Each structure stands twice: as C-alpha cells, then as structure tokens.
Amino acid sequence: MEVQILEAESAEATTKPFALENVYDSHVHLMGTGLFDERLCLKHINSLDQLSRLELNPQHYHGQWLLGYGWHESNWGGTLPTKEDLDKYFPDFPVAFTKADAHCVWVNSKALSLMSLPKQLEVAGGVVVQDKNHKPTGLFIDAAKKWVEKLIPQLSQKQIQNYILRAQNIFHENGFTHVRDVGCEFQQWEILKKLEINNQLQLFVESFYYLKDDIPLNEFLDKIVSLKNQDSALIKSRGLKIFFDGALGSEGALLSGNYQGSGQCGFQIYSDEILKDIIAATWQRNLEVAVHCIGDLAVEKVVDISLDLQSEGVFGKIHLEHAQMAKPTDILKMKNLNVSCHMQPCHWLSDRPWLKDKLGELYAFVFPWQALKQAGIDFDFGSDSPIEKPSIFTNLVALYESPQAGINKLQGDLKPYFQYGRKDSVSGCKTYFENGKVKEVYFLNKKIYG
C-alpha cells in the first residue's frame, strides 16, 4: 500500500494509501497542545450572544479563572470584543479567553480588577487596546499579555506531566512520531526525562526553550548547554526560542507597509541591537536560535542581523519560525546562512477569509514555499499545535488549494517536508495512512496506534 506523496492537483490525492517514516511536526507547543485541549473551545462562536450557551465544565477552570481558547472576531463580522461582552455573562469570576492565534487575550472586568496596571498603558512589543477615554477594553496583545498571564496560577508538575501525555496521544492519533517543541521550559524537560526513564515517552522530541524576561540571558543559555549535554535517544535540546514580532490576525506581525485601513505596520518585540546580542550569545555556545518572525520586515531584519554576525565571524544555525511572508530579495539572502524555515500551510486555510484584505499589495509575499524551494532553502512543515490541529491532511489540502488564491504551487514530491531529516533520529518509526486517515503508527518498531 505504500506510495509517495507526489505532486497532485487536488486534495483527493490524500485518500490514496501511503506511508511515511519519522512523521514530523516541525513547530509545536508540546505541553500547550495538551493544556489547550482541556480549555473551553471557542472556535465555533460566530456571535457574541452564543457566549450565553457555552457549556462550562470543571476542567475549563484553573483556580478561580475560566480559561478558553479559539475565538476570532472575523467569525462575527470583524468587531473586536470588549470586557463588557464578557461581563454580561461572566460578572463574578475572572475570565481569560485566548484568541485563535494565541497572540491576544480577552478578559472581563473582574480580571481587570485584579491587575496592577500602570497609568501609561504602553508596552514594548505589545498593545493594551484602549477606548476613547484611554481605558482598557479588555484586549491584551502580545507582550501586553504578561499582565494577564502572571495572575493565572502556575501549573503543578503533575498537571504538566498529564498535559504532555495528553499531547502525546494527540500527536499519535494524527500519525506523528517526531515533534519539534518551540515552547519548552526547563521544568518540562525534567518531566520528559522522567517519562523517558519510565518508558512512557513515545515521541522523539526536539526542544527549543522559550526565553523569559525573569532569567538573565547568559544564565538561561548556560542552562540550555547543561541540558544539551544530557541529550538522550528521544530528547534533544537544540537551543533558544524568542518572539520577534506578533501575528497577522492580531496585526502584530511586522510588515514593510501598513495593514490595510489601520495606519500601523505591527511591532517588533526586541530592538535590532538586542536581537543581535541574543543571537550572538546563543551561537557562541554552539546552540541554535529559533526566531518567531511572521511579517516580511521581521524576516528581513532577522536575516540581515544574522548576516551581519557572520561578517563579524560569529556563525550558527538560525531557524525562521513561520516565515509566513518573505520578499524574494530576502529569500536570496538566506542562501548565505545556515537557515531553516518552519512553515504551516494550515495557517493559510485559517487566514484566507481576511488575508488579502488585511495585507493589500503585501499579499504577494505570503507563503513563499515554492520560492524557498527554488532558492535551495531548507524548510519543513508543521501545525503550530495547538493553534492548528496537527494534521498531515490539513496541510496537504492547503498546499493543493492555495494556488487558486494566487499562492505559487509547491512543485514535486511533498514527502520530504513531512519527515524528520536530521541524522540523530531513532529507527522503527513509521505511519500508514489510508482514505484520508491515520491507519497505524509504529514507534521503535512497536505499534502505538491503530
């Protein structure tokens, strides 16, 4: 039954049987996949009055907080929600609902009353949305989310372990044996090691550790080096993950021109100088750097800063996370770097209702996978789980349908973009697909699904 995934004209090709070794999701948030699977799902809310009909269960609460995920204002006409929309149905306890792109949090007045907000609501790399009286409306974007997140109780080790195991099951059900976790924290590494020792870990995991503001950079990097020195068969510590811009949906991705009708072009979370220092310090420790950069200007800046470092004799591996937009001139410059791009075709399916209207002429630079291939730039596909469902089929549908919307078609065999390609993998990992579904999954020659 094994065949290659070849160039195809429609999504009907996904119904044919095929098999892949080392099926790889190149951009996931491992613990977050299990965590968000337990939160209140808001993906199907298409009017604000449907909030009154949500079925709330105990697992949707963390401490006193009601936590939900998946809303997008385009589902109800494009009007941004406010704290008053939540207060109408949830006046008595704090509520935090994360947007579908995970770059914006919507809270109610009870949550706002718990915050110690400064008089000046400006924050580098983020936005507190305000009304005409300069009062917060209840939306916190990118770096501004910190005022919400620090109030939500921390997870226990037992909870983190349960969410990791829950995520592992989700990836198995969707055929994956290899994942690249770009949201790892040191506590998660300890739990992964425990699971591996107890033979409960049945995933090959690459870990990139998310830089937090409360730990000095050099101390943080030295800790990653220590963990890298303890690499095992299933757990590989690769390096550092940082956010450089926001997301297109929340208009935080850094563009070379303004979002249509908004008069602003997004923002960058670190200055050019600080980003250069971070990359240099990471490369000097022989670690890799993963940079979240979605907008075309964000990609340009990361590429140029990396090239500047090389000209100064500092070399290393740079990963462009998402690279959802890139100009042809910047793709050509990538040929001089040790670079990999990690893209999610499934984001096109989610973004297509509003993408052209939001970007205007800059739409010409979106999802440049064929341009990357022609330039010989290394790239892989993934899901950004839990932002999107981890699915080979969803990505294939996006690849087959996106040329109808002006996206240059990715030519040739698609198989390599879904398989782990580094030499330090493990053997005996294979997934069989049939009729658009996962049929069987083997890990270390042991059947784990199907």
Protein backbone atom coordinates (compact mmCIF):
# COMPACT_ATOMS: atom_id res chain seq x y z
CA MET A 1 0.00 0.00 0.00
CA GLU A 2 2.98 2.33 0.27
CA VAL A 3 3.25 5.13 -2.28
CA GLN A 4 4.90 8.53 -2.38
CA ILE A 5 3.05 11.78 -1.89
CA LEU A 6 3.61 13.16 -5.35
CA GLU A 7 2.66 16.41 -6.97
CA ALA A 8 -1.13 16.46 -7.11
CA GLU A 9 -3.86 18.67 -8.49
CA SER A 10 -6.42 18.29 -5.71
CA ALA A 11 -6.90 17.15 -2.14
CA GLU A 12 -8.42 13.90 -3.45
CA ALA A 13 -4.86 12.57 -3.58
CA THR A 14 -4.88 12.32 0.22
CA THR A 15 -7.35 9.43 0.06
CA LYS A 16 -4.76 7.17 -1.55
CA PRO A 17 -2.74 4.88 0.76
CA PHE A 18 0.77 5.98 1.62
CA ALA A 19 3.33 5.54 4.37
CA LEU A 20 5.93 7.86 5.86
CA GLU A 21 8.87 7.27 8.15
CA ASN A 22 9.62 9.62 11.04
CA VAL A 23 6.48 11.72 10.55
CA TYR A 24 7.45 15.18 11.78
CA ASP A 25 5.62 18.25 13.01
CA SER A 26 8.31 20.91 12.87
CA HIS A 27 6.62 23.56 15.03
CA VAL A 28 4.54 22.62 18.06
CA HIS A 29 3.93 23.68 21.63
CA LEU A 30 4.00 20.26 23.24
CA MET A 31 2.64 20.92 26.71
CA GLY A 32 0.34 23.62 25.34
CA THR A 33 -1.25 21.07 23.00
CA GLY A 34 -2.49 19.08 25.97
CA LEU A 35 -3.32 22.16 28.01
CA PHE A 36 -5.42 23.89 25.34
CA ASP A 37 -7.23 20.64 24.58
CA GLU A 38 -8.76 20.98 28.04
CA ARG A 39 -9.74 24.63 27.80
CA LEU A 40 -13.17 25.89 26.80
CA CYS A 41 -13.32 25.74 23.00
CA LEU A 42 -14.45 28.99 21.35
CA LYS A 43 -13.62 28.17 17.73
CA HIS A 44 -17.24 27.85 16.67
CA ILE A 45 -18.56 31.02 18.31
CA ASN A 46 -19.99 33.10 15.45
CA SER A 47 -21.95 35.63 17.50
CA LEU A 48 -21.31 37.12 20.93
CA ASP A 49 -24.69 36.07 22.27
CA GLN A 50 -23.57 32.44 21.89
CA LEU A 51 -21.43 33.03 24.99
CA SER A 52 -24.63 32.51 26.99
CA ARG A 53 -24.95 28.97 25.65
CA LEU A 54 -21.44 27.74 26.42
CA GLU A 55 -21.32 24.51 28.38
CA LEU A 56 -18.85 25.02 31.22
CA ASN A 57 -17.08 22.06 32.82
CA PRO A 58 -14.71 21.91 35.81
CA GLN A 59 -11.65 21.37 33.59
CA HIS A 60 -12.27 24.77 31.97
CA TYR A 61 -11.30 26.47 35.24
CA HIS A 62 -7.81 26.95 36.61
CA GLY A 63 -8.12 28.17 40.16
CA GLN A 64 -10.89 30.78 40.01
CA TRP A 65 -10.16 31.63 36.36
CA LEU A 66 -12.32 30.48 33.45
CA LEU A 67 -9.96 29.86 30.54
CA GLY A 68 -10.99 29.49 26.91
CA TYR A 69 -9.33 29.42 23.53
CA GLY A 70 -10.05 29.83 19.82
CA TRP A 71 -12.21 32.94 19.21
CA HIS A 72 -11.70 35.21 16.22
CA GLU A 73 -13.62 38.41 15.55
CA SER A 74 -13.95 37.58 11.84
CA ASN A 75 -16.45 34.88 12.89
CA TRP A 76 -18.95 37.56 13.93
CA GLY A 77 -18.28 40.32 11.41
CA GLY A 78 -14.94 41.74 12.50
CA THR A 79 -15.91 43.83 15.53
CA LEU A 80 -13.37 43.43 18.33
CA PRO A 81 -14.93 42.17 21.58
CA THR A 82 -14.75 44.04 24.88
CA LYS A 83 -14.82 43.30 28.58
CA GLU A 84 -18.49 44.31 28.63
CA ASP A 85 -19.30 41.47 26.22
CA LEU A 86 -17.93 39.05 28.81
CA ASP A 87 -19.34 40.86 31.85
CA LYS A 88 -22.85 40.27 30.51
CA TYR A 89 -22.46 36.52 31.07
CA PHE A 90 -19.49 36.19 33.45
CA PRO A 91 -19.59 39.01 36.01
CA ASP A 92 -18.48 37.15 39.15
CA PHE A 93 -15.13 35.48 38.38
CA PRO A 94 -12.11 36.31 36.20
CA VAL A 95 -12.25 35.18 32.57
CA ALA A 96 -9.37 34.97 30.08
CA PHE A 97 -10.18 33.86 26.53
CA THR A 98 -7.22 33.46 24.19
CA LYS A 99 -7.64 34.33 20.52
CA ALA A 100 -7.20 31.67 17.83
CA ASP A 101 -3.68 32.90 17.00
CA ALA A 102 -2.71 32.88 20.72
CA HIS A 103 -1.37 36.44 20.41
CA CYS A 104 -4.31 38.19 22.10
CA VAL A 105 -6.18 37.61 25.37
CA TRP A 106 -9.71 38.90 26.02
CA VAL A 107 -10.65 39.42 29.67
CA ASN A 108 -13.65 40.61 31.67
CA SER A 109 -13.86 43.39 34.24
CA LYS A 110 -13.32 41.01 37.15
CA ALA A 111 -9.97 40.01 35.65
CA LEU A 112 -9.07 43.67 35.06
CA SER A 113 -9.83 44.48 38.69
CA LEU A 114 -7.11 42.04 39.76
CA MET A 115 -4.40 43.71 37.66
CA SER A 116 -1.99 46.37 38.82
CA LEU A 117 -1.81 48.25 35.55
CA PRO A 118 0.44 51.30 35.15
CA LYS A 119 -1.12 54.66 34.34
CA GLN A 120 0.66 54.64 30.98
CA LEU A 121 -0.56 51.51 29.21
CA GLU A 122 2.27 51.36 26.71
CA VAL A 123 4.40 48.23 26.46
CA ALA A 124 7.23 47.43 24.06
CA GLY A 125 6.21 44.67 21.69
CA GLY A 126 2.57 44.67 22.63
CA VAL A 127 -0.68 46.60 22.88
CA VAL A 128 -3.29 47.19 25.55
CA VAL A 129 -6.34 48.06 23.45
CA GLN A 130 -7.97 51.20 24.85
CA ASP A 131 -11.25 53.05 24.35
CA LYS A 132 -11.63 56.76 23.54
CA ASN A 133 -11.13 57.56 27.24
CA HIS A 134 -7.83 55.63 27.29
CA LYS A 135 -9.31 52.86 29.42
CA PRO A 136 -8.51 49.19 28.65
CA THR A 137 -11.24 47.49 26.64
CA GLY A 138 -10.21 44.00 27.80
CA LEU A 139 -7.85 43.02 24.96
CA PHE A 140 -4.14 42.43 25.64
CA ILE A 141 -1.95 41.74 22.61
CA ASP A 142 1.47 40.02 22.54
CA ALA A 143 3.85 41.41 25.19
CA ALA A 144 0.90 43.03 26.99
CA LYS A 145 -0.46 39.55 27.77
CA LYS A 146 2.04 39.39 30.64
CA TRP A 147 -0.36 41.37 32.86
CA VAL A 148 -2.93 38.60 32.45
CA GLU A 149 -0.66 35.57 32.49
CA LYS A 150 1.13 36.42 35.73
CA LEU A 151 -2.20 36.32 37.59
CA ILE A 152 -3.16 32.82 36.44
CA PRO A 153 -1.94 30.16 38.91
CA GLN A 154 1.15 28.19 37.90
CA LEU A 155 0.75 24.57 36.81
CA SER A 156 1.93 21.78 39.09
CA GLN A 157 4.40 19.14 37.90
CA LYS A 158 1.59 16.60 37.87
CA GLN A 159 -0.54 18.84 35.65
CA ILE A 160 2.35 19.44 33.24
CA GLN A 161 3.01 15.70 33.02
CA ASN A 162 -0.66 15.00 32.33
CA TYR A 163 -0.77 17.65 29.60
CA ILE A 164 2.38 16.26 27.96
CA LEU A 165 0.92 12.75 27.93
CA ARG A 166 -2.37 14.12 26.60
CA ALA A 167 -0.45 15.90 23.83
CA GLN A 168 1.49 12.73 23.04
CA ASN A 169 -1.80 10.91 22.45
CA ILE A 170 -3.00 13.72 20.17
CA PHE A 171 0.15 13.51 18.05
CA HIS A 172 -0.10 9.70 17.85
CA GLU A 173 -3.74 9.89 16.75
CA ASN A 174 -2.64 12.17 13.93
CA GLY A 175 0.28 10.00 12.87
CA PHE A 176 3.27 11.89 14.32
CA THR A 177 6.29 10.24 15.90
CA HIS A 178 8.64 13.27 15.85
CA VAL A 179 7.90 16.79 17.09
CA ARG A 180 9.87 19.99 17.46
CA ASP A 181 8.75 21.78 20.62
CA VAL A 182 9.35 25.53 20.38
CA GLY A 183 7.71 26.37 23.69
CA CYS A 184 9.67 24.21 26.10
CA GLU A 185 10.57 25.24 29.65
CA PHE A 186 13.14 23.72 31.96
CA GLN A 187 10.51 22.10 34.16
CA GLN A 188 9.07 20.35 31.11
CA TRP A 189 12.50 18.89 30.28
CA GLU A 190 12.67 17.31 33.73
CA ILE A 191 9.27 15.71 33.22
CA LEU A 192 10.19 14.47 29.73
CA LYS A 193 13.29 12.80 31.17
CA LYS A 194 11.19 11.15 33.86
CA LEU A 195 8.74 9.87 31.26
CA GLU A 196 11.60 8.54 29.12
CA ILE A 197 13.15 6.72 32.07
CA ASN A 198 9.77 5.16 32.86
CA ASN A 199 9.26 4.13 29.21
CA GLN A 200 6.22 6.42 28.93
CA LEU A 201 7.71 8.75 26.32
CA GLN A 202 6.85 7.55 22.83
CA LEU A 203 7.81 10.67 20.87
CA PHE A 204 11.11 11.94 19.53
CA VAL A 205 11.26 15.50 20.89
CA GLU A 206 13.46 18.40 19.84
CA SER A 207 13.34 21.17 22.44
CA PHE A 208 13.78 24.91 22.00
CA TYR A 209 13.49 26.80 25.28
CA TYR A 210 11.39 29.96 25.37
CA LEU A 211 13.38 32.90 26.73
CA LYS A 212 11.71 34.52 29.74
CA ASP A 213 12.41 38.03 30.96
CA ASP A 214 12.98 36.95 34.57
CA ILE A 215 16.21 35.00 33.87
CA PRO A 216 19.43 36.71 32.66
CA LEU A 217 20.33 35.67 29.12
CA ASN A 218 23.74 34.14 29.90
CA GLU A 219 22.34 32.14 32.81
CA PHE A 220 19.48 30.93 30.60
CA LEU A 221 21.83 29.86 27.80
CA ASP A 222 24.20 28.09 30.19
CA LYS A 223 21.25 26.07 31.47
CA ILE A 224 20.39 25.01 27.91
CA VAL A 225 24.00 23.94 27.36
CA SER A 226 23.76 21.82 30.50
CA LEU A 227 20.59 20.15 29.23
CA LYS A 228 22.07 19.67 25.77
CA ASN A 229 24.96 17.77 27.36
CA GLN A 230 22.33 15.35 28.72
CA ASP A 231 20.73 14.62 25.34
CA SER A 232 19.28 11.13 25.07
CA ALA A 233 17.87 8.96 22.31
CA LEU A 234 14.45 10.66 22.43
CA ILE A 235 15.13 14.15 23.83
CA LYS A 236 17.36 16.65 22.02
CA SER A 237 17.91 20.15 23.41
CA ARG A 238 18.60 22.37 20.41
CA GLY A 239 18.65 25.94 21.65
CA LEU A 240 16.72 29.13 22.29
CA LYS A 241 13.29 30.33 21.10
CA ILE A 242 12.31 34.02 21.02
CA PHE A 243 9.46 36.08 19.62
CA PHE A 244 10.49 38.96 17.35
CA ASP A 245 7.05 40.06 16.13
CA GLY A 246 3.38 39.19 16.56
CA ALA A 247 0.73 37.57 14.37
CA LEU A 248 -1.11 38.70 11.25
CA GLY A 249 -4.54 38.11 12.72
CA SER A 250 -3.89 40.46 15.64
CA GLU A 251 -1.96 42.85 13.35
CA GLY A 252 1.22 42.44 15.35
CA ALA A 253 3.36 40.80 12.65
CA LEU A 254 5.95 43.32 11.47
CA LEU A 255 5.28 44.42 7.89
CA SER A 256 7.17 46.60 5.43
CA GLY A 257 3.94 48.58 4.95
CA ASN A 258 0.79 49.29 6.93
CA TYR A 259 -2.09 46.90 7.48
CA GLN A 260 -4.95 48.00 5.27
CA GLY A 261 -7.09 50.60 7.00
CA SER A 262 -5.16 50.55 10.27
CA GLY A 263 -2.31 53.02 9.74
CA GLN A 264 0.21 50.80 11.51
CA CYS A 265 2.59 48.03 10.46
CA GLY A 266 2.85 45.81 13.55
CA PHE A 267 5.74 45.85 16.00
CA GLN A 268 8.96 44.15 16.96
CA ILE A 269 9.44 42.78 20.44
CA TYR A 270 13.24 43.23 20.64
CA SER A 271 15.32 46.05 19.22
CA ASP A 272 17.73 45.16 16.43
CA GLU A 273 20.65 45.56 18.84
CA ILE A 274 19.20 43.26 21.49
CA LEU A 275 18.25 40.64 18.90
CA LYS A 276 21.82 40.69 17.59
CA ASP A 277 23.20 40.24 21.10
CA ILE A 278 20.83 37.31 21.76
CA ILE A 279 21.74 35.51 18.54
CA ALA A 280 25.46 36.10 19.06
CA ALA A 281 25.45 34.81 22.65
CA THR A 282 23.47 31.73 21.59
CA TRP A 283 25.70 30.90 18.62
CA GLN A 284 28.82 31.37 20.72
CA ARG A 285 27.61 28.46 22.89
CA ASN A 286 27.04 26.25 19.83
CA LEU A 287 23.28 26.45 20.32
CA GLU A 288 20.63 27.08 17.67
CA VAL A 289 18.29 30.09 17.58
CA ALA A 290 14.60 29.85 16.68
CA VAL A 291 13.04 33.24 15.96
CA HIS A 292 9.30 33.78 15.59
CA CYS A 293 9.11 36.09 12.57
CA ILE A 294 5.88 36.22 10.56
CA GLY A 295 5.88 39.59 8.78
CA ASP A 296 8.12 40.31 5.80
CA LEU A 297 10.01 43.09 7.63
CA ALA A 298 10.58 40.81 10.61
CA VAL A 299 12.08 38.16 8.31
CA GLU A 300 14.24 40.78 6.61
CA LYS A 301 15.61 42.06 9.91
CA VAL A 302 16.41 38.58 11.26
CA VAL A 303 18.18 37.62 8.03
CA ASP A 304 20.19 40.86 7.88
CA ILE A 305 21.22 40.68 11.54
CA SER A 306 22.33 37.06 11.09
CA LEU A 307 24.39 38.04 8.04
CA ASP A 308 25.95 40.91 9.99
CA LEU A 309 27.07 38.48 12.68
CA GLN A 310 28.59 36.15 10.10
CA SER A 311 30.55 39.08 8.67
CA GLU A 312 31.93 39.59 12.20
CA GLY A 313 32.99 35.94 12.45
CA VAL A 314 30.08 34.63 14.54
CA PHE A 315 28.31 31.65 12.93
CA GLY A 316 25.45 29.36 13.85
CA LYS A 317 22.11 27.85 12.93
CA ILE A 318 19.10 30.17 12.60
CA HIS A 319 15.50 28.95 12.38
CA LEU A 320 12.81 31.21 10.98
CA GLU A 321 9.57 30.22 12.68
CA HIS A 322 6.53 30.62 10.41
CA ALA A 323 8.24 32.83 7.79
CA GLN A 324 4.70 33.41 6.57
CA MET A 325 5.84 36.34 4.46
CA ALA A 326 9.19 36.88 2.75
CA LYS A 327 10.32 39.09 -0.09
CA PRO A 328 12.29 37.47 -2.96
CA THR A 329 15.36 39.57 -2.13
CA ASP A 330 15.42 38.24 1.44
CA ILE A 331 14.96 34.64 0.28
CA LEU A 332 18.04 35.02 -1.92
CA LYS A 333 19.99 36.40 1.05
CA MET A 334 19.09 33.28 3.05
CA LYS A 335 21.32 31.25 0.71
CA ASN A 336 24.30 32.67 2.62
CA LEU A 337 23.02 31.46 6.00
CA ASN A 338 22.72 28.15 7.83
CA VAL A 339 18.96 28.58 7.95
CA SER A 340 15.80 26.51 8.17
CA CYS A 341 12.24 27.79 7.78
CA HIS A 342 9.36 26.16 9.61
CA MET A 343 6.06 26.82 7.88
CA GLN A 344 2.42 25.88 8.47
CA PRO A 345 0.31 25.58 5.29
CA CYS A 346 -2.73 25.06 7.52
CA HIS A 347 -2.46 28.72 8.56
CA TRP A 348 -3.46 29.65 5.02
CA LEU A 349 -6.75 27.79 5.47
CA SER A 350 -7.47 29.75 8.65
CA ASP A 351 -6.27 33.12 7.35
CA ARG A 352 -7.69 33.12 3.82
CA PRO A 353 -11.04 34.81 4.68
CA TRP A 354 -9.26 38.05 5.62
CA LEU A 355 -5.63 37.76 4.47
CA LYS A 356 -5.86 39.72 1.20
CA ASP A 357 -7.98 42.46 2.72
CA LYS A 358 -5.54 42.87 5.60
CA LEU A 359 -2.31 42.85 3.57
CA GLY A 360 -3.17 44.53 0.26
CA GLU A 361 -0.16 44.54 -2.08
CA LEU A 362 1.96 42.72 0.53
CA TYR A 363 -0.15 39.62 -0.11
CA ALA A 364 2.30 38.87 -2.93
CA PHE A 365 4.86 37.77 -0.31
CA VAL A 366 2.75 35.25 1.64
CA PHE A 367 3.52 31.54 1.97
CA PRO A 368 6.64 31.53 -0.26
CA TRP A 369 7.35 27.79 -0.10
CA GLN A 370 7.97 27.43 -3.84
CA ALA A 371 10.37 30.40 -3.83
CA LEU A 372 12.24 28.84 -0.92
CA LYS A 373 12.49 25.56 -2.79
CA GLN A 374 13.78 27.24 -5.95
CA ALA A 375 16.43 29.05 -3.88
CA GLY A 376 17.51 25.82 -2.20
CA ILE A 377 16.48 26.94 1.29
CA ASP A 378 15.73 24.20 3.80
CA PHE A 379 12.16 24.16 5.16
CA ASP A 380 9.74 21.84 6.91
CA PHE A 381 6.01 21.82 7.55
CA GLY A 382 4.17 21.72 10.83
CA SER A 383 0.97 22.76 12.55
CA ASP A 384 1.80 25.26 15.31
CA SER A 385 -0.32 22.98 17.52
CA PRO A 386 -2.45 23.82 19.46
CA ILE A 387 -3.04 26.87 17.23
CA GLU A 388 -4.00 24.41 14.50
CA LYS A 389 -4.75 20.72 14.66
CA PRO A 390 -1.63 18.63 13.97
CA SER A 391 -2.55 17.04 10.66
CA ILE A 392 -0.73 15.94 7.53
CA PHE A 393 -4.02 16.09 5.64
CA THR A 394 -4.89 19.67 6.58
CA ASN A 395 -1.50 20.84 5.35
CA LEU A 396 -1.88 18.85 2.13
CA VAL A 397 -5.30 20.36 1.47
CA ALA A 398 -3.81 23.83 1.95
CA LEU A 399 -0.98 23.06 -0.46
CA TYR A 400 -3.40 21.77 -3.09
CA GLU A 401 -5.97 24.57 -2.76
CA SER A 402 -3.83 27.66 -2.14
CA PRO A 403 -2.73 28.11 -5.80
CA GLN A 404 -6.35 29.06 -6.53
CA ALA A 405 -5.74 32.12 -4.32
CA GLY A 406 -2.54 33.16 -6.03
CA ILE A 407 -0.04 31.23 -3.89
CA ASN A 408 2.72 29.74 -6.02
CA LYS A 409 2.29 25.98 -6.06
CA LEU A 410 4.93 23.85 -4.35
CA GLN A 411 6.15 21.59 -7.14
CA GLY A 412 7.32 18.00 -6.91
CA ASP A 413 7.26 15.34 -4.20
CA LEU A 414 5.89 16.71 -0.93
CA LYS A 415 7.04 13.76 1.16
CA PRO A 416 10.33 15.25 2.48
CA TYR A 417 8.60 18.24 4.07
CA PHE A 418 6.69 16.00 6.49
CA GLN A 419 9.58 13.77 7.60
CA TYR A 420 12.29 14.32 10.17
CA GLY A 421 15.54 14.69 8.25
CA ARG A 422 18.39 15.02 10.75
CA LYS A 423 20.75 12.09 11.28
CA ASP A 424 20.20 11.71 15.03
CA SER A 425 16.76 10.14 14.73
CA VAL A 426 15.68 6.76 16.05
CA SER A 427 14.73 3.74 13.95
CA GLY A 428 11.47 1.88 13.57
CA CYS A 429 9.12 4.87 13.30
CA LYS A 430 6.54 4.58 10.55
CA THR A 431 2.99 5.75 9.91
CA TYR A 432 0.47 4.29 7.47
CA PHE A 433 -2.29 6.47 6.01
CA GLU A 434 -5.38 5.41 4.07
CA ASN A 435 -8.65 7.09 2.99
CA GLY A 436 -7.55 10.39 4.48
CA LYS A 437 -6.99 8.91 7.92
CA VAL A 438 -4.19 7.54 10.07
CA LYS A 439 -4.35 3.76 9.95
CA GLU A 440 -1.34 2.59 12.02
CA VAL A 441 1.60 4.16 13.83
CA TYR A 442 4.80 2.39 14.87
CA PHE A 443 7.40 3.84 17.24
CA LEU A 444 10.68 2.00 17.86
CA ASN A 445 9.12 -0.94 15.97
CA LYS A 446 6.22 -1.06 18.44
CA LYS A 447 2.66 -0.44 17.30
CA ILE A 448 1.33 2.52 19.30
CA TYR A 449 -1.80 3.40 17.35
CA GLY A 450 -4.32 1.64 15.15
